[in-house]
Amino acid sequence: MNEGSAYKGELSEFNVLGIRPDESISDEQIKSALEASKLVRFKPGSRVLLIQSGAQFPDQPMVKALSGPFTVSGFSGVPESGSSATSDYAQSLRLAAARAGATGVMVYWGVLETGTENLATKAISWVPIVGGVLPDETQKMRIRLKVAVIDVVSGTWDMLYPEPLEDQAASGHYTRYTSDQEQVAKLKEAAYNATATLLKARFME
């Protein structure tokens, strides 16, 4: 969901969650991790470090949506050079959150997609939007989100996958840009509000 020359890619789920594919793991380590695992839970008003993958700071509508049940501190989601190979990123992230007084970290990824409908079958083919260029026609658009929720103290984590939200708008050449921006803003706000409701229901004590 990020465009422009400032875009430097996405955070890796592996690093955010502390998963190291090249690390040798024993069965005993797996057993110990299972025994030590617990459900991720937050008290009302808990401070969380909120990160939007690929963005310098999280979208304001998402901050607003989460600021009811949580106390939100924003943090950069722009991957640093070489961070994909840094195995201690997850630990550093939890330490940064702890220093901010946060008990949890929430990292979210978003994908905007445009859809083309097959008139014969009514099936819609969805493809990611690249460069923000859309055709001048009735436009189907969809947003998909996923959120990693991490307990700062234990490192226990969970993933949330809200249902994708869709919208349809029609515009011509001279109203294309305005229509696109309004459609994207509408979708984002609806998706963020729905996600905040799900996060509260699933992770709030």
C-alpha atoms as a PDB file:
ATOM      1  CA  MET A   1       0.000   0.000   0.000  1.00  0.00           C
ATOM      2  CA  ASN A   2       3.005   2.257  -0.222  1.00  0.00           C
ATOM      3  CA  GLU A   3       4.117   4.076  -3.367  1.00  0.00           C
ATOM      4  CA  GLY A   4       6.775   6.507  -4.460  1.00  0.00           C
ATOM      5  CA  SER A   5      10.547   6.747  -4.423  1.00  0.00           C
ATOM      6  CA  ALA A   6      10.673   6.583  -0.621  1.00  0.00           C
ATOM      7  CA  TYR A   7       9.355   3.022  -0.650  1.00  0.00           C
ATOM      8  CA  LYS A   8      12.136   0.596   0.332  1.00  0.00           C
ATOM      9  CA  GLY A   9      10.301  -2.700   0.585  1.00  0.00           C
ATOM     10  CA  GLU A  10       8.517  -4.656   3.293  1.00  0.00           C
ATOM     11  CA  LEU A  11       9.532  -6.070   6.643  1.00  0.00           C
ATOM     12  CA  SER A  12      10.086  -9.816   6.769  1.00  0.00           C
ATOM     13  CA  GLU A  13       7.680 -11.863   8.869  1.00  0.00           C
ATOM     14  CA  PHE A  14      10.592 -14.152   9.721  1.00  0.00           C
ATOM     15  CA  ASN A  15      12.603 -11.356  11.345  1.00  0.00           C
ATOM     16  CA  VAL A  16       9.613  -9.692  13.010  1.00  0.00           C
ATOM     17  CA  LEU A  17       8.607 -12.986  14.653  1.00  0.00           C
ATOM     18  CA  GLY A  18      12.152 -14.155  15.410  1.00  0.00           C
ATOM     19  CA  ILE A  19      12.070 -17.123  13.031  1.00  0.00           C
ATOM     20  CA  ARG A  20      15.522 -18.218  11.819  1.00  0.00           C
ATOM     21  CA  PRO A  21      15.284 -20.741   8.963  1.00  0.00           C
ATOM     22  CA  ASP A  22      19.037 -21.433   8.999  1.00  0.00           C
ATOM     23  CA  GLU A  23      19.161 -22.199  12.731  1.00  0.00           C
ATOM     24  CA  SER A  24      19.545 -25.787  13.921  1.00  0.00           C
ATOM     25  CA  ILE A  25      16.532 -26.691  16.107  1.00  0.00           C
ATOM     26  CA  SER A  26      16.233 -29.720  18.386  1.00  0.00           C
ATOM     27  CA  ASP A  27      13.058 -31.569  19.342  1.00  0.00           C
ATOM     28  CA  GLU A  28      13.705 -30.567  22.955  1.00  0.00           C
ATOM     29  CA  GLN A  29      13.671 -26.884  22.012  1.00  0.00           C
ATOM     30  CA  ILE A  30      10.352 -27.355  20.240  1.00  0.00           C
ATOM     31  CA  LYS A  31       8.909 -29.134  23.285  1.00  0.00           C
ATOM     32  CA  SER A  32      10.133 -26.414  25.646  1.00  0.00           C
ATOM     33  CA  ALA A  33       8.722 -23.673  23.432  1.00  0.00           C
ATOM     34  CA  LEU A  34       5.338 -25.386  23.366  1.00  0.00           C
ATOM     35  CA  GLU A  35       5.278 -25.789  27.131  1.00  0.00           C
ATOM     36  CA  ALA A  36       6.212 -22.126  27.636  1.00  0.00           C
ATOM     37  CA  SER A  37       3.749 -20.760  25.089  1.00  0.00           C
ATOM     38  CA  LYS A  38       0.696 -18.797  26.175  1.00  0.00           C
ATOM     39  CA  LEU A  39      -2.124 -16.841  24.615  1.00  0.00           C
ATOM     40  CA  VAL A  40      -1.336 -13.238  23.748  1.00  0.00           C
ATOM     41  CA  ARG A  41      -3.537 -11.006  25.885  1.00  0.00           C
ATOM     42  CA  PHE A  42      -3.662  -7.275  26.677  1.00  0.00           C
ATOM     43  CA  LYS A  43      -5.400  -5.262  29.352  1.00  0.00           C
ATOM     44  CA  PRO A  44      -7.662  -2.369  28.255  1.00  0.00           C
ATOM     45  CA  GLY A  45      -5.545   0.681  27.475  1.00  0.00           C
ATOM     46  CA  SER A  46      -2.309  -1.306  27.137  1.00  0.00           C
ATOM     47  CA  ARG A  47       0.409   0.488  25.194  1.00  0.00           C
ATOM     48  CA  VAL A  48       1.368  -1.194  21.930  1.00  0.00           C
ATOM     49  CA  LEU A  49       4.088  -0.402  19.411  1.00  0.00           C
ATOM     50  CA  LEU A  50       2.282  -0.129  16.059  1.00  0.00           C
ATOM     51  CA  ILE A  51       4.211  -0.694  12.826  1.00  0.00           C
ATOM     52  CA  GLN A  52       3.019  -0.548   9.216  1.00  0.00           C
ATOM     53  CA  SER A  53       5.335  -2.620   7.056  1.00  0.00           C
ATOM     54  CA  GLY A  54       7.101  -0.505   4.452  1.00  0.00           C
ATOM     55  CA  ALA A  55       6.040   2.871   5.902  1.00  0.00           C
ATOM     56  CA  GLN A  56       7.895   5.435   7.991  1.00  0.00           C
ATOM     57  CA  PHE A  57       4.901   5.603  10.315  1.00  0.00           C
ATOM     58  CA  PRO A  58       1.506   3.855  10.457  1.00  0.00           C
ATOM     59  CA  ASP A  59      -1.518   5.315   8.677  1.00  0.00           C
ATOM     60  CA  GLN A  60      -3.387   7.785  10.877  1.00  0.00           C
ATOM     61  CA  PRO A  61      -6.770   6.026  10.371  1.00  0.00           C
ATOM     62  CA  MET A  62      -5.235   2.831  11.786  1.00  0.00           C
ATOM     63  CA  VAL A  63      -3.768   4.727  14.753  1.00  0.00           C
ATOM     64  CA  LYS A  64      -7.172   6.288  15.364  1.00  0.00           C
ATOM     65  CA  ALA A  65      -8.988   2.950  15.102  1.00  0.00           C
ATOM     66  CA  LEU A  66      -6.684   1.293  17.648  1.00  0.00           C
ATOM     67  CA  SER A  67      -6.501   4.258  20.029  1.00  0.00           C
ATOM     68  CA  GLY A  68      -9.810   3.308  21.614  1.00  0.00           C
ATOM     69  CA  PRO A  69      -8.900  -0.083  23.094  1.00  0.00           C
ATOM     70  CA  PHE A  70      -5.123   0.532  23.149  1.00  0.00           C
ATOM     71  CA  THR A  71      -2.589   3.280  23.755  1.00  0.00           C
ATOM     72  CA  VAL A  72      -0.645   3.501  20.507  1.00  0.00           C
ATOM     73  CA  SER A  73       2.997   4.398  19.896  1.00  0.00           C
ATOM     74  CA  GLY A  74       4.027   4.472  16.231  1.00  0.00           C
ATOM     75  CA  PHE A  75       7.308   3.060  14.933  1.00  0.00           C
ATOM     76  CA  SER A  76       9.010   2.862  11.535  1.00  0.00           C
ATOM     77  CA  GLY A  77       8.269  -0.121   9.322  1.00  0.00           C
ATOM     78  CA  VAL A  78      10.937   0.689   6.733  1.00  0.00           C
ATOM     79  CA  PRO A  79      13.492  -2.149   6.567  1.00  0.00           C
ATOM     80  CA  GLU A  80      17.051  -1.037   7.165  1.00  0.00           C
ATOM     81  CA  SER A  81      19.757  -2.036   4.718  1.00  0.00           C
ATOM     82  CA  GLY A  82      20.767  -5.615   5.463  1.00  0.00           C
ATOM     83  CA  SER A  83      18.002  -6.107   8.046  1.00  0.00           C
ATOM     84  CA  SER A  84      16.738  -9.190   6.215  1.00  0.00           C
ATOM     85  CA  ALA A  85      19.862 -10.986   7.356  1.00  0.00           C
ATOM     86  CA  THR A  86      19.742  -9.739  10.932  1.00  0.00           C
ATOM     87  CA  SER A  87      18.577 -12.602  13.120  1.00  0.00           C
ATOM     88  CA  ASP A  88      18.227 -10.411  16.228  1.00  0.00           C
ATOM     89  CA  TYR A  89      15.700  -7.988  14.727  1.00  0.00           C
ATOM     90  CA  ALA A  90      12.784  -9.447  16.689  1.00  0.00           C
ATOM     91  CA  GLN A  91      14.686  -9.091  19.959  1.00  0.00           C
ATOM     92  CA  SER A  92      15.632  -5.493  19.131  1.00  0.00           C
ATOM     93  CA  LEU A  93      12.019  -4.714  18.283  1.00  0.00           C
ATOM     94  CA  ARG A  94      10.784  -6.083  21.600  1.00  0.00           C
ATOM     95  CA  LEU A  95      13.477  -4.103  23.453  1.00  0.00           C
ATOM     96  CA  ALA A  96      12.428  -0.896  21.684  1.00  0.00           C
ATOM     97  CA  ALA A  97       8.826  -1.593  22.661  1.00  0.00           C
ATOM     98  CA  ALA A  98       9.821  -2.251  26.278  1.00  0.00           C
ATOM     99  CA  ARG A  99      11.679   1.057  26.429  1.00  0.00           C
ATOM    100  CA  ALA A 100       8.491   2.764  25.220  1.00  0.00           C
ATOM    101  CA  GLY A 101       6.539   1.091  28.007  1.00  0.00           C
ATOM    102  CA  ALA A 102       4.648  -1.087  25.520  1.00  0.00           C
ATOM    103  CA  THR A 103       3.513  -4.594  26.422  1.00  0.00           C
ATOM    104  CA  GLY A 104       2.837  -5.575  22.825  1.00  0.00           C
ATOM    105  CA  VAL A 105       3.976  -5.066  19.247  1.00  0.00           C
ATOM    106  CA  MET A 106       1.551  -5.023  16.320  1.00  0.00           C
ATOM    107  CA  VAL A 107       2.985  -5.182  12.809  1.00  0.00           C
ATOM    108  CA  TYR A 108       0.580  -5.019   9.900  1.00  0.00           C
ATOM    109  CA  TRP A 109       0.925  -5.636   6.174  1.00  0.00           C
ATOM    110  CA  GLY A 110      -1.557  -4.433   3.573  1.00  0.00           C
ATOM    111  CA  VAL A 111      -2.110  -5.179  -0.102  1.00  0.00           C
ATOM    112  CA  LEU A 112      -4.353  -3.185  -2.431  1.00  0.00           C
ATOM    113  CA  GLU A 113      -5.655  -5.122  -5.417  1.00  0.00           C
ATOM    114  CA  THR A 114      -7.702  -4.261  -8.492  1.00  0.00           C
ATOM    115  CA  GLY A 115     -10.194  -6.745  -9.887  1.00  0.00           C
ATOM    116  CA  THR A 116     -11.376  -7.608 -13.411  1.00  0.00           C
ATOM    117  CA  GLU A 117     -14.689  -9.424 -13.690  1.00  0.00           C
ATOM    118  CA  ASN A 118     -15.341 -12.168 -16.235  1.00  0.00           C
ATOM    119  CA  LEU A 119     -18.851 -11.354 -17.462  1.00  0.00           C
ATOM    120  CA  ALA A 120     -19.564 -14.962 -18.410  1.00  0.00           C
ATOM    121  CA  THR A 121     -18.561 -16.612 -15.129  1.00  0.00           C
ATOM    122  CA  LYS A 122     -18.814 -13.591 -12.763  1.00  0.00           C
ATOM    123  CA  ALA A 123     -15.430 -14.643 -11.383  1.00  0.00           C
ATOM    124  CA  ILE A 124     -13.072 -11.815 -10.447  1.00  0.00           C
ATOM    125  CA  SER A 125      -9.341 -11.956 -11.074  1.00  0.00           C
ATOM    126  CA  TRP A 126      -7.436  -9.922  -8.477  1.00  0.00           C
ATOM    127  CA  VAL A 127      -3.954  -8.498  -9.046  1.00  0.00           C
ATOM    128  CA  PRO A 128      -1.887  -6.143  -6.832  1.00  0.00           C
ATOM    129  CA  ILE A 129      -1.915  -2.471  -7.808  1.00  0.00           C
ATOM    130  CA  VAL A 130       1.525  -1.480  -9.121  1.00  0.00           C
ATOM    131  CA  GLY A 131       2.498   2.182  -9.424  1.00  0.00           C
ATOM    132  CA  GLY A 132      -1.023   3.422  -8.731  1.00  0.00           C
ATOM    133  CA  VAL A 133      -2.051   3.270 -12.432  1.00  0.00           C
ATOM    134  CA  LEU A 134      -5.651   2.123 -12.922  1.00  0.00           C
ATOM    135  CA  PRO A 135      -7.793   1.884 -16.074  1.00  0.00           C
ATOM    136  CA  ASP A 136     -10.594   4.418 -16.765  1.00  0.00           C
ATOM    137  CA  GLU A 137     -13.538   2.143 -16.171  1.00  0.00           C
ATOM    138  CA  THR A 138     -15.710   0.777 -13.412  1.00  0.00           C
ATOM    139  CA  GLN A 139     -13.091  -0.182 -10.868  1.00  0.00           C
ATOM    140  CA  LYS A 140     -13.274  -3.037  -8.384  1.00  0.00           C
ATOM    141  CA  MET A 141     -10.765  -2.678  -5.586  1.00  0.00           C
ATOM    142  CA  ARG A 142      -9.899  -4.869  -2.612  1.00  0.00           C
ATOM    143  CA  ILE A 143      -7.716  -4.507   0.458  1.00  0.00           C
ATOM    144  CA  ARG A 144      -6.183  -7.422   2.331  1.00  0.00           C
ATOM    145  CA  LEU A 145      -4.523  -7.061   5.729  1.00  0.00           C
ATOM    146  CA  LYS A 146      -2.603  -9.306   8.085  1.00  0.00           C
ATOM    147  CA  VAL A 147      -1.405  -8.398  11.563  1.00  0.00           C
ATOM    148  CA  ALA A 148       1.338  -9.962  13.693  1.00  0.00           C
ATOM    149  CA  VAL A 149       0.629  -9.499  17.402  1.00  0.00           C
ATOM    150  CA  ILE A 150       3.625 -10.045  19.681  1.00  0.00           C
ATOM    151  CA  ASP A 151       3.909 -10.178  23.474  1.00  0.00           C
ATOM    152  CA  VAL A 152       6.927  -8.053  24.421  1.00  0.00           C
ATOM    153  CA  VAL A 153       7.992 -10.043  27.489  1.00  0.00           C
ATOM    154  CA  SER A 154       7.692 -13.615  26.226  1.00  0.00           C
ATOM    155  CA  GLY A 155       7.970 -13.184  22.464  1.00  0.00           C
ATOM    156  CA  THR A 156       4.792 -15.251  22.047  1.00  0.00           C
ATOM    157  CA  TRP A 157       2.982 -14.227  18.881  1.00  0.00           C
ATOM    158  CA  ASP A 158      -0.210 -14.685  16.926  1.00  0.00           C
ATOM    159  CA  MET A 159      -1.407 -13.704  13.445  1.00  0.00           C
ATOM    160  CA  LEU A 160      -4.704 -12.084  12.514  1.00  0.00           C
ATOM    161  CA  TYR A 161      -6.147 -12.257   8.987  1.00  0.00           C
ATOM    162  CA  PRO A 162      -9.242 -10.035   8.659  1.00  0.00           C
ATOM    163  CA  GLU A 163     -11.665 -10.744   5.826  1.00  0.00           C
ATOM    164  CA  PRO A 164     -10.710  -8.801   2.658  1.00  0.00           C
ATOM    165  CA  LEU A 165     -12.886  -5.766   1.980  1.00  0.00           C
ATOM    166  CA  GLU A 166     -14.056  -4.825  -1.522  1.00  0.00           C
ATOM    167  CA  ASP A 167     -15.411  -1.678  -3.147  1.00  0.00           C
ATOM    168  CA  GLN A 168     -16.527  -0.649  -6.604  1.00  0.00           C
ATOM    169  CA  ALA A 169     -16.407   2.813  -8.183  1.00  0.00           C
ATOM    170  CA  ALA A 170     -16.891   4.266 -11.660  1.00  0.00           C
ATOM    171  CA  SER A 171     -15.037   7.237 -13.107  1.00  0.00           C
ATOM    172  CA  GLY A 172     -13.745   8.710 -16.357  1.00  0.00           C
ATOM    173  CA  HIS A 173     -10.407  10.089 -17.417  1.00  0.00           C
ATOM    174  CA  TYR A 174     -10.812  13.508 -15.778  1.00  0.00           C
ATOM    175  CA  THR A 175     -12.018  12.180 -12.406  1.00  0.00           C
ATOM    176  CA  ARG A 176      -9.792   9.092 -12.249  1.00  0.00           C
ATOM    177  CA  TYR A 177      -7.274  10.361  -9.667  1.00  0.00           C
ATOM    178  CA  THR A 178      -9.842  11.808  -7.271  1.00  0.00           C
ATOM    179  CA  SER A 179     -12.016   8.711  -7.529  1.00  0.00           C
ATOM    180  CA  ASP A 180      -9.046   6.422  -6.887  1.00  0.00           C
ATOM    181  CA  GLN A 181      -7.938   8.341  -3.812  1.00  0.00           C
ATOM    182  CA  GLU A 182     -11.441   8.433  -2.357  1.00  0.00           C
ATOM    183  CA  GLN A 183     -11.907   4.720  -3.015  1.00  0.00           C
ATOM    184  CA  VAL A 184      -8.571   3.819  -1.402  1.00  0.00           C
ATOM    185  CA  ALA A 185      -9.236   6.045   1.628  1.00  0.00           C
ATOM    186  CA  LYS A 186     -12.707   4.547   2.058  1.00  0.00           C
ATOM    187  CA  LEU A 187     -11.374   0.997   1.869  1.00  0.00           C
ATOM    188  CA  LYS A 188      -8.504   1.681   4.282  1.00  0.00           C
ATOM    189  CA  GLU A 189     -10.726   3.281   6.900  1.00  0.00           C
ATOM    190  CA  ALA A 190     -13.259   0.447   6.762  1.00  0.00           C
ATOM    191  CA  ALA A 191     -10.526  -2.217   6.901  1.00  0.00           C
ATOM    192  CA  TYR A 192      -8.692  -0.537   9.783  1.00  0.00           C
ATOM    193  CA  ASN A 193     -11.868  -0.128  11.848  1.00  0.00           C
ATOM    194  CA  ALA A 194     -12.828  -3.758  11.262  1.00  0.00           C
ATOM    195  CA  THR A 195      -9.310  -4.898  12.167  1.00  0.00           C
ATOM    196  CA  ALA A 196      -9.324  -2.874  15.397  1.00  0.00           C
ATOM    197  CA  THR A 197     -12.614  -4.500  16.390  1.00  0.00           C
ATOM    198  CA  LEU A 198     -11.175  -7.975  15.717  1.00  0.00           C
ATOM    199  CA  LEU A 199      -7.977  -7.227  17.635  1.00  0.00           C
ATOM    200  CA  LYS A 200      -9.955  -6.047  20.648  1.00  0.00           C
ATOM    201  CA  ALA A 201     -12.233  -9.095  20.593  1.00  0.00           C
ATOM    202  CA  ARG A 202      -9.423 -11.598  20.171  1.00  0.00           C
ATOM    203  CA  PHE A 203      -6.622 -10.191  22.329  1.00  0.00           C
ATOM    204  CA  MET A 204      -8.205  -7.965  24.982  1.00  0.00           C
ATOM    205  CA  GLU A 205      -8.700  -9.450  28.439  1.00  0.00           C
END
